[in-house]
N, C-alpha and C. Protein backbone atom coordinates (compact mmCIF):
# COMPACT_ATOMS: atom_id res chain seq x y z
N UNK A 1 79.51 119.15 55.00
CA UNK A 1 79.87 120.55 54.89
C UNK A 1 80.15 120.88 53.43
N UNK A 2 79.60 121.97 53.01
CA UNK A 2 79.80 122.42 51.65
C UNK A 2 81.07 123.27 51.57
N UNK A 3 81.89 123.01 50.57
CA UNK A 3 83.14 123.76 50.39
C UNK A 3 82.87 125.02 49.57
N UNK A 4 82.62 126.10 50.27
CA UNK A 4 82.44 127.37 49.60
C UNK A 4 83.63 128.25 49.94
N UNK A 5 83.78 129.29 49.15
CA UNK A 5 84.87 130.24 49.36
C UNK A 5 84.79 130.84 50.76
N UNK A 6 83.60 131.16 51.19
CA UNK A 6 83.39 131.77 52.51
C UNK A 6 83.77 130.79 53.63
N UNK A 7 83.36 129.53 53.51
CA UNK A 7 83.68 128.52 54.53
C UNK A 7 85.18 128.24 54.60
N UNK A 8 85.82 128.21 53.46
CA UNK A 8 87.26 127.96 53.42
C UNK A 8 88.02 129.10 54.07
N UNK A 9 87.65 130.35 53.73
CA UNK A 9 88.31 131.51 54.35
C UNK A 9 88.09 131.56 55.85
N UNK A 10 86.87 131.27 56.29
CA UNK A 10 86.58 131.27 57.73
C UNK A 10 87.39 130.19 58.45
N UNK A 11 87.51 129.02 57.84
CA UNK A 11 88.28 127.93 58.43
C UNK A 11 89.77 128.27 58.51
N UNK A 12 90.31 128.87 57.44
CA UNK A 12 91.72 129.28 57.44
C UNK A 12 91.97 130.31 58.53
N UNK A 13 91.06 131.27 58.64
CA UNK A 13 91.23 132.32 59.65
C UNK A 13 91.16 131.72 61.06
N UNK A 14 90.19 130.84 61.30
CA UNK A 14 90.00 130.26 62.63
C UNK A 14 91.14 129.31 63.01
N UNK A 15 91.62 128.52 62.07
CA UNK A 15 92.61 127.49 62.39
C UNK A 15 94.06 127.92 62.24
N UNK A 16 94.33 128.96 61.43
CA UNK A 16 95.71 129.35 61.18
C UNK A 16 96.01 130.80 61.56
N UNK A 17 95.26 131.73 60.99
CA UNK A 17 95.59 133.14 61.15
C UNK A 17 95.39 133.60 62.59
N UNK A 18 94.23 133.31 63.19
CA UNK A 18 93.98 133.75 64.56
C UNK A 18 94.97 133.15 65.57
N UNK A 19 95.25 131.84 65.54
CA UNK A 19 96.25 131.31 66.48
C UNK A 19 97.65 131.90 66.28
N UNK A 20 98.05 132.10 65.02
CA UNK A 20 99.36 132.69 64.77
C UNK A 20 99.43 134.13 65.27
N UNK A 21 98.37 134.89 65.02
CA UNK A 21 98.34 136.28 65.46
C UNK A 21 98.35 136.38 66.99
N UNK A 22 97.54 135.58 67.65
CA UNK A 22 97.52 135.65 69.11
C UNK A 22 98.83 135.14 69.70
N UNK A 23 99.44 134.15 69.08
CA UNK A 23 100.74 133.66 69.55
C UNK A 23 101.83 134.71 69.38
N UNK A 24 101.82 135.42 68.26
CA UNK A 24 102.80 136.50 68.05
C UNK A 24 102.61 137.61 69.07
N UNK A 25 101.36 138.03 69.29
CA UNK A 25 101.10 139.09 70.26
C UNK A 25 101.55 138.67 71.66
N UNK A 26 101.24 137.44 72.05
CA UNK A 26 101.63 136.93 73.36
C UNK A 26 103.15 136.92 73.52
N UNK A 27 103.84 136.44 72.50
CA UNK A 27 105.30 136.34 72.59
C UNK A 27 106.00 137.69 72.53
N UNK A 28 105.43 138.66 71.82
CA UNK A 28 106.01 140.01 71.80
C UNK A 28 105.92 140.62 73.20
N UNK A 29 104.77 140.46 73.86
CA UNK A 29 104.61 140.98 75.23
C UNK A 29 105.56 140.25 76.17
N UNK A 30 105.66 138.95 76.02
CA UNK A 30 106.56 138.15 76.86
C UNK A 30 108.02 138.56 76.64
N UNK A 31 108.37 138.87 75.41
CA UNK A 31 109.74 139.25 75.07
C UNK A 31 110.14 140.57 75.73
N UNK A 32 109.18 141.49 75.87
CA UNK A 32 109.47 142.76 76.54
C UNK A 32 109.93 142.56 77.98
N UNK A 33 109.41 141.54 78.62
CA UNK A 33 109.72 141.29 80.03
C UNK A 33 110.83 140.26 80.23
N UNK A 34 111.39 139.76 79.14
CA UNK A 34 112.40 138.71 79.22
C UNK A 34 113.76 139.29 79.58
N UNK A 35 114.38 138.72 80.59
CA UNK A 35 115.69 139.19 81.03
C UNK A 35 116.83 138.42 80.34
N UNK A 36 116.51 137.39 79.59
CA UNK A 36 117.54 136.59 78.94
C UNK A 36 118.02 137.19 77.62
N UNK A 37 117.29 138.17 77.11
CA UNK A 37 117.69 138.82 75.86
C UNK A 37 118.86 139.75 76.15
N UNK A 38 119.96 139.52 75.45
CA UNK A 38 121.18 140.28 75.72
C UNK A 38 121.10 141.72 75.26
N UNK A 39 120.44 141.96 74.13
CA UNK A 39 120.47 143.29 73.53
C UNK A 39 119.06 143.80 73.28
N UNK A 40 118.85 145.07 73.54
CA UNK A 40 117.55 145.69 73.26
C UNK A 40 117.28 145.75 71.77
N UNK A 41 118.33 145.77 70.97
CA UNK A 41 118.17 145.81 69.52
C UNK A 41 117.47 144.55 69.01
N UNK A 42 117.70 143.43 69.67
CA UNK A 42 117.03 142.19 69.28
C UNK A 42 115.53 142.33 69.43
N UNK A 43 115.11 142.86 70.57
CA UNK A 43 113.68 143.05 70.82
C UNK A 43 113.09 144.03 69.82
N UNK A 44 113.80 145.12 69.55
CA UNK A 44 113.30 146.11 68.59
C UNK A 44 113.13 145.52 67.19
N UNK A 45 114.11 144.73 66.76
CA UNK A 45 114.01 144.12 65.43
C UNK A 45 112.86 143.13 65.35
N UNK A 46 112.65 142.37 66.41
CA UNK A 46 111.54 141.41 66.40
C UNK A 46 110.19 142.12 66.43
N UNK A 47 110.10 143.24 67.13
CA UNK A 47 108.86 144.03 67.10
C UNK A 47 108.62 144.61 65.71
N UNK A 48 109.68 145.08 65.06
CA UNK A 48 109.55 145.58 63.68
C UNK A 48 109.09 144.47 62.75
N UNK A 49 109.63 143.27 62.94
CA UNK A 49 109.22 142.14 62.10
C UNK A 49 107.74 141.85 62.29
N UNK A 50 107.26 141.91 63.53
CA UNK A 50 105.85 141.66 63.80
C UNK A 50 104.96 142.72 63.15
N UNK A 51 105.34 143.98 63.28
CA UNK A 51 104.56 145.05 62.65
C UNK A 51 104.57 144.91 61.13
N UNK A 52 105.69 144.50 60.59
CA UNK A 52 105.79 144.31 59.14
C UNK A 52 104.89 143.17 58.69
N UNK A 53 104.81 142.10 59.49
CA UNK A 53 103.92 141.00 59.14
C UNK A 53 102.45 141.43 59.17
N UNK A 54 102.10 142.33 60.07
CA UNK A 54 100.73 142.86 60.07
C UNK A 54 100.47 143.65 58.79
N UNK A 55 101.47 144.40 58.32
CA UNK A 55 101.35 145.12 57.05
C UNK A 55 101.26 144.16 55.86
N UNK A 56 101.97 143.05 55.95
CA UNK A 56 101.88 142.02 54.89
C UNK A 56 100.46 141.51 54.80
N UNK A 57 99.86 141.22 55.94
CA UNK A 57 98.47 140.73 55.96
C UNK A 57 97.52 141.76 55.34
N UNK A 58 97.71 143.01 55.69
CA UNK A 58 96.88 144.08 55.12
C UNK A 58 97.04 144.14 53.60
N UNK A 59 98.27 144.08 53.12
CA UNK A 59 98.51 144.15 51.67
C UNK A 59 97.96 142.94 50.95
N UNK A 60 98.03 141.77 51.58
CA UNK A 60 97.46 140.59 50.94
C UNK A 60 95.94 140.71 50.80
N UNK A 61 95.30 141.29 51.81
CA UNK A 61 93.84 141.49 51.72
C UNK A 61 93.46 142.47 50.62
N UNK A 62 94.36 143.39 50.31
CA UNK A 62 94.12 144.38 49.25
C UNK A 62 94.66 143.90 47.90
N UNK A 63 95.17 142.67 47.85
CA UNK A 63 95.73 142.07 46.63
C UNK A 63 96.95 142.81 46.10
N UNK A 64 97.69 143.45 46.99
CA UNK A 64 98.97 144.07 46.63
C UNK A 64 100.07 143.02 46.83
N UNK A 65 100.15 142.09 45.93
CA UNK A 65 101.02 140.93 46.12
C UNK A 65 102.50 141.27 46.08
N UNK A 66 102.89 142.19 45.23
CA UNK A 66 104.31 142.56 45.14
C UNK A 66 104.74 143.27 46.42
N UNK A 67 103.93 144.21 46.90
CA UNK A 67 104.26 144.90 48.14
C UNK A 67 104.29 143.93 49.32
N UNK A 68 103.34 143.01 49.36
CA UNK A 68 103.30 142.02 50.44
C UNK A 68 104.55 141.15 50.42
N UNK A 69 104.97 140.74 49.24
CA UNK A 69 106.16 139.91 49.12
C UNK A 69 107.42 140.66 49.56
N UNK A 70 107.51 141.93 49.18
CA UNK A 70 108.65 142.75 49.57
C UNK A 70 108.70 142.93 51.08
N UNK A 71 107.55 143.21 51.68
CA UNK A 71 107.49 143.37 53.13
C UNK A 71 107.78 142.06 53.85
N UNK A 72 107.34 140.96 53.28
CA UNK A 72 107.61 139.65 53.87
C UNK A 72 109.11 139.37 53.91
N UNK A 73 109.78 139.74 52.85
CA UNK A 73 111.24 139.58 52.83
C UNK A 73 111.90 140.47 53.88
N UNK A 74 111.43 141.70 54.02
CA UNK A 74 111.97 142.60 55.04
C UNK A 74 111.77 142.03 56.43
N UNK A 75 110.61 141.48 56.68
CA UNK A 75 110.34 140.87 57.98
C UNK A 75 111.28 139.71 58.25
N UNK A 76 111.51 138.89 57.23
CA UNK A 76 112.45 137.78 57.37
C UNK A 76 113.86 138.29 57.69
N UNK A 77 114.26 139.37 57.04
CA UNK A 77 115.58 139.94 57.30
C UNK A 77 115.68 140.50 58.72
N UNK A 78 114.60 141.12 59.20
CA UNK A 78 114.60 141.60 60.59
C UNK A 78 114.79 140.44 61.57
N UNK A 79 114.08 139.35 61.32
CA UNK A 79 114.17 138.19 62.21
C UNK A 79 115.57 137.59 62.17
N UNK A 80 116.14 137.46 60.98
CA UNK A 80 117.48 136.88 60.87
C UNK A 80 118.53 137.78 61.53
N UNK A 81 118.41 139.09 61.36
CA UNK A 81 119.36 140.00 61.98
C UNK A 81 119.21 139.96 63.50
N UNK A 82 117.99 139.90 64.00
CA UNK A 82 117.77 139.80 65.44
C UNK A 82 118.42 138.56 66.01
N UNK A 83 118.30 137.44 65.29
CA UNK A 83 118.93 136.20 65.76
C UNK A 83 120.45 136.32 65.72
N UNK A 84 120.97 136.92 64.68
CA UNK A 84 122.43 137.04 64.54
C UNK A 84 123.01 137.93 65.64
N UNK A 85 122.39 139.07 65.93
CA UNK A 85 122.97 139.95 66.95
C UNK A 85 122.75 139.38 68.35
N UNK A 86 121.75 138.51 68.52
CA UNK A 86 121.55 137.88 69.83
C UNK A 86 122.63 136.85 70.12
N UNK A 87 123.05 136.10 69.11
CA UNK A 87 123.94 134.97 69.33
C UNK A 87 125.38 135.18 68.90
N UNK A 88 125.69 136.28 68.23
CA UNK A 88 127.06 136.51 67.77
C UNK A 88 127.47 137.95 68.11
N UNK A 89 128.40 138.08 69.03
CA UNK A 89 128.82 139.41 69.50
C UNK A 89 129.51 140.22 68.40
N UNK A 90 130.22 139.56 67.49
CA UNK A 90 130.87 140.28 66.40
C UNK A 90 129.84 140.96 65.49
N UNK A 91 128.76 140.26 65.21
CA UNK A 91 127.70 140.83 64.38
C UNK A 91 127.04 141.99 65.13
N UNK A 92 126.85 141.84 66.44
CA UNK A 92 126.27 142.92 67.23
C UNK A 92 127.14 144.17 67.18
N UNK A 93 128.44 144.00 67.35
CA UNK A 93 129.36 145.15 67.31
C UNK A 93 129.32 145.84 65.95
N UNK A 94 129.27 145.04 64.88
CA UNK A 94 129.18 145.61 63.52
C UNK A 94 127.85 146.33 63.33
N UNK A 95 126.77 145.75 63.83
CA UNK A 95 125.46 146.36 63.73
C UNK A 95 125.43 147.72 64.42
N UNK A 96 126.00 147.79 65.61
CA UNK A 96 126.05 149.05 66.35
C UNK A 96 126.95 150.07 65.61
N UNK A 97 128.09 149.61 65.13
CA UNK A 97 129.03 150.50 64.44
C UNK A 97 128.41 151.07 63.17
N UNK A 98 127.70 150.25 62.41
CA UNK A 98 127.06 150.72 61.18
C UNK A 98 125.85 151.60 61.48
N UNK A 99 125.17 151.33 62.58
CA UNK A 99 123.99 152.12 62.94
C UNK A 99 124.34 153.51 63.40
N UNK A 100 125.52 153.71 63.94
CA UNK A 100 125.91 155.01 64.46
C UNK A 100 126.26 155.96 63.32
N UNK A 101 126.79 155.44 62.24
CA UNK A 101 127.23 156.29 61.12
C UNK A 101 126.09 156.86 60.34
């Protein structure tokens, strides 16, 4: 096999990007139907993180590296906040209190 730019990109897409994307889509749908999630805010934050990651992919394809990096950080923050409000009631109460103001 010849290592060309096209072959490398196709291999990365087939072996990494497509499985990650389909796994994220599957788990987002599964999360909507999950009864073990304590707070709806957790689901909303994880959905926002997923949508932000799709925007990161778009920006990377357009070579907007700074925007992609900023969005990637936002997505990470959404995921961390979702985990914190799921597992710590004090953080959830603070999140709700700050969101109302």
